[in-house]
Protein backbone atom coordinates (compact mmCIF):
# COMPACT_ATOMS: atom_id res chain seq x y z
CA MET A 1 -27.82 -13.95 -19.30
CA SER A 2 -30.63 -14.42 -21.97
CA THR A 3 -30.65 -16.98 -24.26
CA ARG A 4 -29.62 -14.32 -27.25
CA GLN A 5 -26.46 -13.70 -25.39
CA CYS A 6 -25.24 -16.76 -24.92
CA ARG A 7 -25.84 -17.49 -28.64
CA LEU A 8 -23.82 -14.17 -29.17
CA GLY A 9 -21.16 -15.10 -26.67
CA ARG A 10 -20.90 -18.94 -28.55
CA ARG A 11 -20.70 -17.24 -31.87
CA TRP A 12 -18.01 -14.80 -30.74
CA ALA A 13 -15.94 -17.58 -29.08
CA THR A 14 -16.35 -19.76 -32.44
CA THR A 15 -15.45 -16.67 -34.23
CA VAL A 16 -11.93 -16.32 -32.22
CA GLU A 17 -11.18 -20.10 -32.34
CA LEU A 18 -11.76 -19.95 -36.23
CA LEU A 19 -9.37 -17.24 -36.48
CA CYS A 20 -6.91 -18.43 -34.42
CA THR A 21 -6.56 -21.88 -35.87
CA ALA A 22 -7.63 -21.48 -39.66
CA PHE A 23 -5.05 -19.04 -40.16
CA GLN A 24 -2.17 -20.94 -39.11
CA SER A 25 -3.57 -24.62 -39.73
CA GLY A 26 -3.67 -24.85 -35.74
CA PRO A 27 -5.03 -27.29 -33.79
CA TRP A 28 -8.77 -27.12 -32.45
CA GLY A 29 -11.36 -28.34 -30.09
CA GLU A 30 -10.47 -31.28 -28.20
CA ASP A 31 -6.78 -30.97 -29.38
CA ILE A 32 -6.17 -28.00 -27.10
CA CYS A 33 -8.51 -29.12 -24.27
CA GLY A 34 -4.81 -29.46 -22.12
CA LEU A 35 -6.11 -33.26 -20.92
CA ASP A 36 -5.49 -36.23 -22.55
CA ARG A 37 -8.58 -37.97 -22.59
CA ALA A 38 -7.71 -41.58 -23.00
CA THR A 39 -5.24 -41.36 -19.98
CA GLY A 40 -6.80 -38.34 -18.02
CA LYS A 41 -3.33 -36.80 -17.90
CA PRO A 42 -2.41 -33.18 -18.68
CA LYS A 43 -0.95 -32.25 -22.07
CA PRO A 44 0.55 -29.41 -23.53
CA MET A 45 -1.92 -27.16 -25.38
CA PRO A 46 -0.48 -25.95 -28.79
CA LEU A 47 -2.47 -22.61 -28.70
CA GLY A 48 -2.49 -20.52 -31.80
CA HIS A 49 -3.04 -16.59 -32.04
CA PHE A 50 -4.72 -14.29 -34.54
CA PHE A 51 -4.28 -10.62 -34.54
CA LEU A 52 -5.92 -7.61 -36.21
CA ALA A 53 -5.30 -4.21 -37.05
CA ILE A 54 -8.22 -2.32 -38.23
CA ASP A 55 -7.78 1.34 -39.17
CA ILE A 56 -10.72 2.79 -37.34
CA GLU A 57 -11.13 5.96 -39.37
CA LYS A 58 -11.60 4.05 -43.02
CA LEU A 59 -14.76 3.28 -41.24
CA CYS A 60 -16.10 5.82 -38.85
CA PRO A 61 -14.81 8.89 -37.06
CA LEU A 62 -12.37 8.03 -34.22
CA ASP A 63 -14.32 9.76 -31.62
CA THR A 64 -17.73 8.47 -32.77
CA PHE A 65 -15.85 4.88 -32.22
CA LYS A 66 -14.48 5.94 -29.09
CA LYS A 67 -18.26 7.00 -27.93
CA ASN A 68 -19.91 4.04 -29.50
CA SER A 69 -17.27 1.56 -27.74
CA GLY A 70 -17.58 3.24 -24.39
CA GLU A 71 -21.44 3.25 -24.64
CA PHE A 72 -21.47 -0.47 -25.38
CA LEU A 73 -18.89 -1.37 -22.76
CA LYS A 74 -20.44 0.62 -19.94
CA ALA A 75 -23.92 -0.82 -20.86
CA LEU A 76 -22.41 -4.67 -20.63
CA ARG A 77 -20.66 -3.87 -17.46
CA GLU A 78 -24.22 -2.52 -16.21
CA SER A 79 -26.06 -5.49 -17.31
CA ARG A 80 -28.34 -7.25 -14.88
CA LYS A 81 -26.16 -9.64 -12.87
CA ALA A 82 -26.39 -13.30 -11.84
CA PRO A 83 -27.82 -13.38 -8.27
CA ASN A 84 -25.28 -15.89 -7.24
CA GLY A 85 -22.64 -14.54 -9.58
CA PRO A 86 -19.44 -12.57 -8.24
CA GLY A 87 -21.12 -9.38 -8.72
CA ARG A 88 -19.32 -7.38 -11.27
CA ILE A 89 -19.29 -7.97 -14.77
CA TRP A 90 -15.61 -7.12 -16.34
CA THR A 91 -14.83 -6.19 -19.71
CA ALA A 92 -11.40 -6.80 -21.24
CA GLY A 93 -8.69 -4.83 -19.37
CA GLU A 94 -10.50 -3.53 -16.55
CA PRO A 95 -8.74 -6.34 -13.84
CA GLU A 96 -5.13 -5.19 -15.06
CA ASN A 97 -6.35 -1.58 -15.46
CA ASP A 98 -7.60 -1.80 -11.50
CA ALA A 99 -4.42 -3.50 -10.64
CA ARG A 100 -2.22 -0.80 -12.21
CA VAL A 101 -4.19 1.95 -10.60
CA GLN A 102 -3.85 0.13 -7.38
CA ARG A 103 -0.11 -0.21 -7.53
CA THR A 104 0.27 3.58 -8.75
CA GLU A 105 -1.87 4.70 -5.58
CA GLN A 106 0.47 2.44 -3.37
CA GLY A 107 3.70 4.35 -4.46
CA GLY A 108 4.38 1.65 -7.16
CA MET A 109 5.11 -2.03 -7.82
CA LYS A 110 6.50 -4.16 -5.03
CA VAL A 111 10.45 -5.23 -5.50
CA ASN A 112 11.19 -8.16 -3.72
CA VAL A 113 14.74 -7.89 -1.88
CA PRO A 114 16.64 -10.13 -4.38
CA LEU A 115 15.16 -8.52 -7.64
CA GLN A 116 16.27 -5.16 -5.57
CA LYS A 117 19.78 -6.87 -5.20
CA ASN A 118 19.84 -7.88 -9.18
CA MET A 119 18.96 -4.34 -10.28
CA ALA A 120 21.57 -2.59 -8.16
CA ALA A 121 24.05 -5.09 -9.27
CA LEU A 122 23.08 -4.46 -12.84
CA ARG A 123 23.50 -0.75 -12.32
CA GLU A 124 26.87 -1.04 -11.19
CA SER A 125 28.20 -3.36 -13.92
CA ARG A 126 26.43 -1.25 -17.29
CA PRO A 127 28.07 1.95 -18.19
CA GLY A 128 25.60 4.69 -18.00
CA LEU A 129 22.98 3.19 -15.75
CA LYS A 130 24.57 4.50 -12.36
CA GLU A 131 24.26 8.07 -13.85
CA LYS A 132 20.63 7.27 -15.25
CA TYR A 133 19.61 5.38 -11.97
CA ALA A 134 21.50 6.63 -9.29
CA LYS A 135 18.67 5.74 -6.87
CA PHE A 136 15.98 3.41 -7.41
CA PRO A 137 12.77 4.18 -5.57
CA PHE A 138 13.24 1.41 -3.06
CA GLU A 139 16.43 2.75 -1.86
CA SER A 140 16.58 4.66 1.15
């Protein structure tokens, strides 16, 4: 990673932390490190969140945004990797999407036996569920 990329990453991290704390007057820095520095024991992290919704089409056509975003993320994933790194550069949502695709290819999510029993009991106890879910995928 270049010095410029490191600076950009720190800038983005600073921006995110600023937005997550300033709008809610929340804690930041040492107050959210998860460790009591005096005792060395874990402490709760009272994290804040910031969400922003933008009407993309007020700024540029949606197709242009999607094309530009796709090209940017593709270039990011294809960046030169660290020789001792994990071998893949992940972008937001990729691990979750990969897991979803893998689960779908394997026939869906695994449901353990206790949860199967709970789901069946719930179906029996609520009006209309038996008709809607006559048979769950895990039932033979």
